[in-house]
Amino acid sequence: MPKTDDEKGYVDVVNGRYKPRGTFHVIEKNQPIFNKDTGKLAGVTNPRDMTYIHSYGGEAIFFESLGKGKLMASRCDNEKCDSKGSIFEPFRIYCPDCLRKAKPVDITEKARKTAKIHSFIITERSGAFNTLPKPIKFVNVEFDEEVVTILMSVLSVGEPEIGKKIIPIFRTKSPTYTIMDLMFVAEGTKESDLPDGFTF
């Protein structure tokens, strides 16, 4: 059962420190588990509702930008690094080769022009707390040669095929500030066919 606003945990940042308020842990009543064949006690449920604080740190720009319809990546600009000019998507705070702080770069237009399916998998089953409609079409997305990494995402409209051109879409209405604010669709998809809350 969803928590009421009074039961939820909220967090603000004040003077550079997290300031939690509200309820973060809700304990519910245990329920016995009986064996229907024998009538004997077999166990007990142990329901708990926990809210975790997940800090984004240097990756916050990536997640905030998704809700604004932008795909941010990072680039190594270190003149002494063999990877200078390499763009990393998913976003990396530091270059994995020289360990210098990478520069955030907007690759939205690059993604619109060059994104294609590198590989894919379709699954009918999912883990706990899945919010995606099934079957889920997971795609590994490659961009042009400047982007040296591959991004895993979801194809929400269209059928996956290796090498197929795809376009990023963004949850700009009520963003979640998670990776779920980014998905892809097959090239040629109409805006009216996008999932609720998503735009090009």
C-alpha atoms as a PDB file:
ATOM      1  CA  MET A   1       0.000   0.000   0.000  1.00  0.00           C
ATOM      2  CA  PRO A   2       1.460   3.403  -0.948  1.00  0.00           C
ATOM      3  CA  LYS A   3       2.548   5.621   1.910  1.00  0.00           C
ATOM      4  CA  THR A   4       0.771   8.867   2.670  1.00  0.00           C
ATOM      5  CA  ASP A   5       2.723  12.131   2.498  1.00  0.00           C
ATOM      6  CA  ASP A   6       3.041  12.043   6.297  1.00  0.00           C
ATOM      7  CA  GLU A   7       4.655   8.593   6.113  1.00  0.00           C
ATOM      8  CA  LYS A   8       7.206   9.461   3.408  1.00  0.00           C
ATOM      9  CA  GLY A   9      10.828  10.405   3.922  1.00  0.00           C
ATOM     10  CA  TYR A  10      12.135  13.614   2.362  1.00  0.00           C
ATOM     11  CA  VAL A  11      15.652  14.981   2.081  1.00  0.00           C
ATOM     12  CA  ASP A  12      16.956  18.512   1.503  1.00  0.00           C
ATOM     13  CA  VAL A  13      20.514  19.762   1.242  1.00  0.00           C
ATOM     14  CA  VAL A  14      21.207  22.682   3.597  1.00  0.00           C
ATOM     15  CA  ASN A  15      24.684  24.147   4.024  1.00  0.00           C
ATOM     16  CA  GLY A  16      26.173  21.275   2.024  1.00  0.00           C
ATOM     17  CA  ARG A  17      24.659  18.544   4.234  1.00  0.00           C
ATOM     18  CA  TYR A  18      21.761  16.160   3.787  1.00  0.00           C
ATOM     19  CA  LYS A  19      18.827  17.008   6.091  1.00  0.00           C
ATOM     20  CA  PRO A  20      16.354  14.086   6.234  1.00  0.00           C
ATOM     21  CA  ARG A  21      12.809  14.641   7.503  1.00  0.00           C
ATOM     22  CA  GLY A  22       9.815  12.365   7.744  1.00  0.00           C
ATOM     23  CA  THR A  23       9.654   8.590   8.050  1.00  0.00           C
ATOM     24  CA  PHE A  24      12.194   6.402   6.282  1.00  0.00           C
ATOM     25  CA  HIS A  25      11.399   2.991   7.803  1.00  0.00           C
ATOM     26  CA  VAL A  26       7.904   1.576   8.244  1.00  0.00           C
ATOM     27  CA  ILE A  27       7.449  -1.763  10.018  1.00  0.00           C
ATOM     28  CA  GLU A  28       4.286  -3.691   9.214  1.00  0.00           C
ATOM     29  CA  LYS A  29       2.704  -6.503  11.192  1.00  0.00           C
ATOM     30  CA  ASN A  30       4.137  -9.985  10.592  1.00  0.00           C
ATOM     31  CA  GLN A  31       1.822 -12.540   9.025  1.00  0.00           C
ATOM     32  CA  PRO A  32       2.029 -16.312   9.632  1.00  0.00           C
ATOM     33  CA  ILE A  33       2.632 -18.671   6.698  1.00  0.00           C
ATOM     34  CA  PHE A  34       0.728 -21.935   7.073  1.00  0.00           C
ATOM     35  CA  ASN A  35       1.169 -25.100   5.032  1.00  0.00           C
ATOM     36  CA  LYS A  36      -2.262 -25.597   3.429  1.00  0.00           C
ATOM     37  CA  ASP A  37      -1.674 -29.370   3.206  1.00  0.00           C
ATOM     38  CA  THR A  38      -0.771 -29.988   6.855  1.00  0.00           C
ATOM     39  CA  GLY A  39      -2.143 -26.927   8.643  1.00  0.00           C
ATOM     40  CA  LYS A  40       1.229 -26.457  10.340  1.00  0.00           C
ATOM     41  CA  LEU A  41       3.138 -23.233  10.664  1.00  0.00           C
ATOM     42  CA  ALA A  42       5.800 -22.984   7.916  1.00  0.00           C
ATOM     43  CA  GLY A  43       7.152 -19.478   8.498  1.00  0.00           C
ATOM     44  CA  VAL A  44       6.292 -15.842   8.881  1.00  0.00           C
ATOM     45  CA  THR A  45       6.425 -12.767   6.663  1.00  0.00           C
ATOM     46  CA  ASN A  46       8.688  -9.951   7.751  1.00  0.00           C
ATOM     47  CA  PRO A  47       7.396  -6.891   5.841  1.00  0.00           C
ATOM     48  CA  ARG A  48       9.524  -3.765   5.936  1.00  0.00           C
ATOM     49  CA  ASP A  49       9.326  -0.558   3.940  1.00  0.00           C
ATOM     50  CA  MET A  50      12.635   1.288   3.658  1.00  0.00           C
ATOM     51  CA  THR A  51      13.559   4.502   1.879  1.00  0.00           C
ATOM     52  CA  TYR A  52      17.185   4.816   0.825  1.00  0.00           C
ATOM     53  CA  ILE A  53      19.081   8.027   0.142  1.00  0.00           C
ATOM     54  CA  HIS A  54      21.002   7.616  -3.111  1.00  0.00           C
ATOM     55  CA  SER A  55      23.549  10.399  -3.604  1.00  0.00           C
ATOM     56  CA  TYR A  56      24.384  11.379  -7.209  1.00  0.00           C
ATOM     57  CA  GLY A  57      27.334  13.662  -6.522  1.00  0.00           C
ATOM     58  CA  GLY A  58      29.074  14.507  -9.800  1.00  0.00           C
ATOM     59  CA  GLU A  59      26.514  12.540 -11.835  1.00  0.00           C
ATOM     60  CA  ALA A  60      23.619  14.815 -10.829  1.00  0.00           C
ATOM     61  CA  ILE A  61      23.965  16.847 -14.042  1.00  0.00           C
ATOM     62  CA  PHE A  62      23.268  13.705 -16.087  1.00  0.00           C
ATOM     63  CA  PHE A  63      20.037  12.790 -14.278  1.00  0.00           C
ATOM     64  CA  GLU A  64      18.745  16.364 -14.003  1.00  0.00           C
ATOM     65  CA  SER A  65      19.339  16.965 -17.724  1.00  0.00           C
ATOM     66  CA  LEU A  66      17.272  13.941 -18.771  1.00  0.00           C
ATOM     67  CA  GLY A  67      14.166  15.625 -17.348  1.00  0.00           C
ATOM     68  CA  LYS A  68      14.996  18.659 -19.488  1.00  0.00           C
ATOM     69  CA  GLY A  69      15.258  16.599 -22.680  1.00  0.00           C
ATOM     70  CA  LYS A  70      19.050  16.556 -22.824  1.00  0.00           C
ATOM     71  CA  LEU A  71      21.504  13.658 -22.924  1.00  0.00           C
ATOM     72  CA  MET A  72      24.733  14.563 -21.142  1.00  0.00           C
ATOM     73  CA  ALA A  73      27.975  12.628 -21.499  1.00  0.00           C
ATOM     74  CA  SER A  74      31.513  13.401 -20.376  1.00  0.00           C
ATOM     75  CA  ARG A  75      34.730  13.974 -22.329  1.00  0.00           C
ATOM     76  CA  CYS A  76      38.399  13.745 -21.428  1.00  0.00           C
ATOM     77  CA  ASP A  77      40.157  17.013 -22.296  1.00  0.00           C
ATOM     78  CA  ASN A  78      43.536  16.154 -20.748  1.00  0.00           C
ATOM     79  CA  GLU A  79      46.228  16.949 -23.338  1.00  0.00           C
ATOM     80  CA  LYS A  80      48.524  14.278 -21.858  1.00  0.00           C
ATOM     81  CA  CYS A  81      45.938  11.478 -21.951  1.00  0.00           C
ATOM     82  CA  ASP A  82      45.841   8.890 -24.729  1.00  0.00           C
ATOM     83  CA  SER A  83      42.031   9.122 -24.510  1.00  0.00           C
ATOM     84  CA  LYS A  84      41.884  12.912 -25.045  1.00  0.00           C
ATOM     85  CA  GLY A  85      38.674  13.764 -26.899  1.00  0.00           C
ATOM     86  CA  SER A  86      36.984  10.480 -25.991  1.00  0.00           C
ATOM     87  CA  ILE A  87      33.340  10.852 -24.985  1.00  0.00           C
ATOM     88  CA  PHE A  88      31.894   8.539 -22.348  1.00  0.00           C
ATOM     89  CA  GLU A  89      28.225   7.547 -22.260  1.00  0.00           C
ATOM     90  CA  PRO A  90      27.086   6.464 -19.714  1.00  0.00           C
ATOM     91  CA  PHE A  91      28.354   9.588 -17.987  1.00  0.00           C
ATOM     92  CA  ARG A  92      31.627   9.204 -16.091  1.00  0.00           C
ATOM     93  CA  ILE A  93      32.884  11.764 -13.622  1.00  0.00           C
ATOM     94  CA  TYR A  94      36.538  10.880 -14.260  1.00  0.00           C
ATOM     95  CA  CYS A  95      38.390   9.642 -17.333  1.00  0.00           C
ATOM     96  CA  PRO A  96      39.093   5.934 -16.745  1.00  0.00           C
ATOM     97  CA  ASP A  97      42.544   6.243 -18.328  1.00  0.00           C
ATOM     98  CA  CYS A  98      44.120   9.328 -16.742  1.00  0.00           C
ATOM     99  CA  LEU A  99      41.718   9.695 -13.769  1.00  0.00           C
ATOM    100  CA  ARG A 100      41.336  13.440 -14.394  1.00  0.00           C
ATOM    101  CA  LYS A 101      37.901  14.998 -14.019  1.00  0.00           C
ATOM    102  CA  ALA A 102      36.018  14.748 -17.319  1.00  0.00           C
ATOM    103  CA  LYS A 103      34.059  17.642 -18.843  1.00  0.00           C
ATOM    104  CA  PRO A 104      30.253  17.316 -19.147  1.00  0.00           C
ATOM    105  CA  VAL A 105      29.123  17.601 -22.790  1.00  0.00           C
ATOM    106  CA  ASP A 106      25.652  17.643 -24.332  1.00  0.00           C
ATOM    107  CA  ILE A 107      25.353  14.835 -26.917  1.00  0.00           C
ATOM    108  CA  THR A 108      21.590  15.118 -27.511  1.00  0.00           C
ATOM    109  CA  GLU A 109      21.935  16.043 -31.197  1.00  0.00           C
ATOM    110  CA  LYS A 110      24.694  13.475 -31.720  1.00  0.00           C
ATOM    111  CA  ALA A 111      22.376  10.816 -30.263  1.00  0.00           C
ATOM    112  CA  ARG A 112      19.476  11.912 -32.476  1.00  0.00           C
ATOM    113  CA  LYS A 113      21.664  11.649 -35.571  1.00  0.00           C
ATOM    114  CA  THR A 114      23.863   8.609 -34.862  1.00  0.00           C
ATOM    115  CA  ALA A 115      22.306   6.323 -32.204  1.00  0.00           C
ATOM    116  CA  LYS A 116      21.831   2.745 -33.351  1.00  0.00           C
ATOM    117  CA  ILE A 117      21.344  -0.655 -31.775  1.00  0.00           C
ATOM    118  CA  HIS A 118      24.638  -2.439 -31.097  1.00  0.00           C
ATOM    119  CA  SER A 119      22.942  -5.494 -29.552  1.00  0.00           C
ATOM    120  CA  PHE A 120      19.707  -6.293 -27.747  1.00  0.00           C
ATOM    121  CA  ILE A 121      17.837  -8.761 -25.578  1.00  0.00           C
ATOM    122  CA  ILE A 122      14.112  -9.182 -25.057  1.00  0.00           C
ATOM    123  CA  THR A 123      12.857 -10.452 -21.707  1.00  0.00           C
ATOM    124  CA  GLU A 124       9.392 -11.578 -20.634  1.00  0.00           C
ATOM    125  CA  ARG A 125      10.375 -11.759 -16.953  1.00  0.00           C
ATOM    126  CA  SER A 126      11.712  -9.063 -14.677  1.00  0.00           C
ATOM    127  CA  GLY A 127      12.912  -8.530 -11.157  1.00  0.00           C
ATOM    128  CA  ALA A 128      11.080  -7.026  -8.221  1.00  0.00           C
ATOM    129  CA  PHE A 129       9.796  -3.448  -8.559  1.00  0.00           C
ATOM    130  CA  ASN A 130       9.910  -3.484 -12.367  1.00  0.00           C
ATOM    131  CA  THR A 131       7.834  -0.633 -13.828  1.00  0.00           C
ATOM    132  CA  LEU A 132       8.425  -1.364 -17.519  1.00  0.00           C
ATOM    133  CA  PRO A 133       5.773  -3.047 -19.662  1.00  0.00           C
ATOM    134  CA  LYS A 134       6.717  -6.557 -20.749  1.00  0.00           C
ATOM    135  CA  PRO A 135       8.237  -7.788 -22.922  1.00  0.00           C
ATOM    136  CA  ILE A 136      11.140  -5.456 -22.129  1.00  0.00           C
ATOM    137  CA  LYS A 137      13.376  -4.678 -25.104  1.00  0.00           C
ATOM    138  CA  PHE A 138      16.799  -3.893 -23.634  1.00  0.00           C
ATOM    139  CA  VAL A 139      19.156  -2.311 -26.165  1.00  0.00           C
ATOM    140  CA  ASN A 140      22.864  -1.547 -26.113  1.00  0.00           C
ATOM    141  CA  VAL A 141      23.177   1.804 -27.877  1.00  0.00           C
ATOM    142  CA  GLU A 142      26.213   2.922 -29.844  1.00  0.00           C
ATOM    143  CA  PHE A 143      26.816   6.420 -31.144  1.00  0.00           C
ATOM    144  CA  ASP A 144      29.439   7.826 -33.533  1.00  0.00           C
ATOM    145  CA  GLU A 145      33.151   7.056 -33.115  1.00  0.00           C
ATOM    146  CA  GLU A 146      33.792   9.926 -30.657  1.00  0.00           C
ATOM    147  CA  VAL A 147      31.656   8.081 -28.080  1.00  0.00           C
ATOM    148  CA  VAL A 148      33.898   5.195 -27.019  1.00  0.00           C
ATOM    149  CA  THR A 149      31.419   3.420 -24.738  1.00  0.00           C
ATOM    150  CA  ILE A 150      28.036   1.755 -25.175  1.00  0.00           C
ATOM    151  CA  LEU A 151      24.898   2.767 -23.268  1.00  0.00           C
ATOM    152  CA  MET A 152      22.300   0.266 -22.086  1.00  0.00           C
ATOM    153  CA  SER A 153      18.706   1.457 -22.350  1.00  0.00           C
ATOM    154  CA  VAL A 154      15.212   0.360 -23.362  1.00  0.00           C
ATOM    155  CA  LEU A 155      13.522   0.453 -26.766  1.00  0.00           C
ATOM    156  CA  SER A 156       9.983   1.519 -25.897  1.00  0.00           C
ATOM    157  CA  VAL A 157       8.560   1.726 -29.439  1.00  0.00           C
ATOM    158  CA  GLY A 158       9.545  -0.476 -32.376  1.00  0.00           C
ATOM    159  CA  GLU A 159      11.221  -3.818 -32.794  1.00  0.00           C
ATOM    160  CA  PRO A 160      14.942  -4.168 -32.084  1.00  0.00           C
ATOM    161  CA  GLU A 161      17.377  -5.130 -34.806  1.00  0.00           C
ATOM    162  CA  ILE A 162      21.174  -4.865 -34.771  1.00  0.00           C
ATOM    163  CA  GLY A 163      22.276  -1.701 -36.581  1.00  0.00           C
ATOM    164  CA  LYS A 164      18.779  -0.164 -36.502  1.00  0.00           C
ATOM    165  CA  LYS A 165      18.666   3.638 -36.163  1.00  0.00           C
ATOM    166  CA  ILE A 166      16.998   4.762 -32.926  1.00  0.00           C
ATOM    167  CA  ILE A 167      16.112   8.128 -31.360  1.00  0.00           C
ATOM    168  CA  PRO A 168      16.319   9.120 -27.671  1.00  0.00           C
ATOM    169  CA  ILE A 169      13.161  10.166 -25.836  1.00  0.00           C
ATOM    170  CA  PHE A 170      12.956  11.850 -22.445  1.00  0.00           C
ATOM    171  CA  ARG A 171      10.442  11.893 -19.593  1.00  0.00           C
ATOM    172  CA  THR A 172      10.072  15.670 -19.397  1.00  0.00           C
ATOM    173  CA  LYS A 173       6.672  15.611 -17.679  1.00  0.00           C
ATOM    174  CA  SER A 174       7.081  14.606 -14.027  1.00  0.00           C
ATOM    175  CA  PRO A 175      10.648  13.275 -14.360  1.00  0.00           C
ATOM    176  CA  THR A 176      11.840  10.668 -11.853  1.00  0.00           C
ATOM    177  CA  TYR A 177      15.474  11.908 -11.961  1.00  0.00           C
ATOM    178  CA  THR A 178      16.585   8.318 -12.636  1.00  0.00           C
ATOM    179  CA  ILE A 179      17.742   6.459 -15.748  1.00  0.00           C
ATOM    180  CA  MET A 180      14.047   5.685 -16.332  1.00  0.00           C
ATOM    181  CA  ASP A 181      13.730   9.216 -17.756  1.00  0.00           C
ATOM    182  CA  LEU A 182      15.631   8.053 -20.871  1.00  0.00           C
ATOM    183  CA  MET A 183      14.447   5.524 -23.434  1.00  0.00           C
ATOM    184  CA  PHE A 184      14.777   5.065 -27.181  1.00  0.00           C
ATOM    185  CA  VAL A 185      12.335   4.554 -30.056  1.00  0.00           C
ATOM    186  CA  ALA A 186      12.743   3.371 -33.626  1.00  0.00           C
ATOM    187  CA  GLU A 187      13.505   6.114 -36.137  1.00  0.00           C
ATOM    188  CA  GLY A 188      10.272   7.428 -37.662  1.00  0.00           C
ATOM    189  CA  THR A 189       8.192   6.992 -34.488  1.00  0.00           C
ATOM    190  CA  LYS A 190       5.457   9.640 -34.165  1.00  0.00           C
ATOM    191  CA  GLU A 191       5.265  11.784 -31.038  1.00  0.00           C
ATOM    192  CA  SER A 192       1.711  10.520 -30.489  1.00  0.00           C
ATOM    193  CA  ASP A 193       3.125   6.971 -30.112  1.00  0.00           C
ATOM    194  CA  LEU A 194       5.511   7.864 -27.279  1.00  0.00           C
ATOM    195  CA  PRO A 195       4.857   6.622 -23.728  1.00  0.00           C
ATOM    196  CA  ASP A 196       2.982   9.032 -21.439  1.00  0.00           C
ATOM    197  CA  GLY A 197       5.165  11.878 -20.190  1.00  0.00           C
ATOM    198  CA  PHE A 198       7.894  11.390 -22.831  1.00  0.00           C
ATOM    199  CA  THR A 199       8.968  13.804 -25.574  1.00  0.00           C
ATOM    200  CA  PHE A 200      11.688  13.822 -28.236  1.00  0.00           C
END
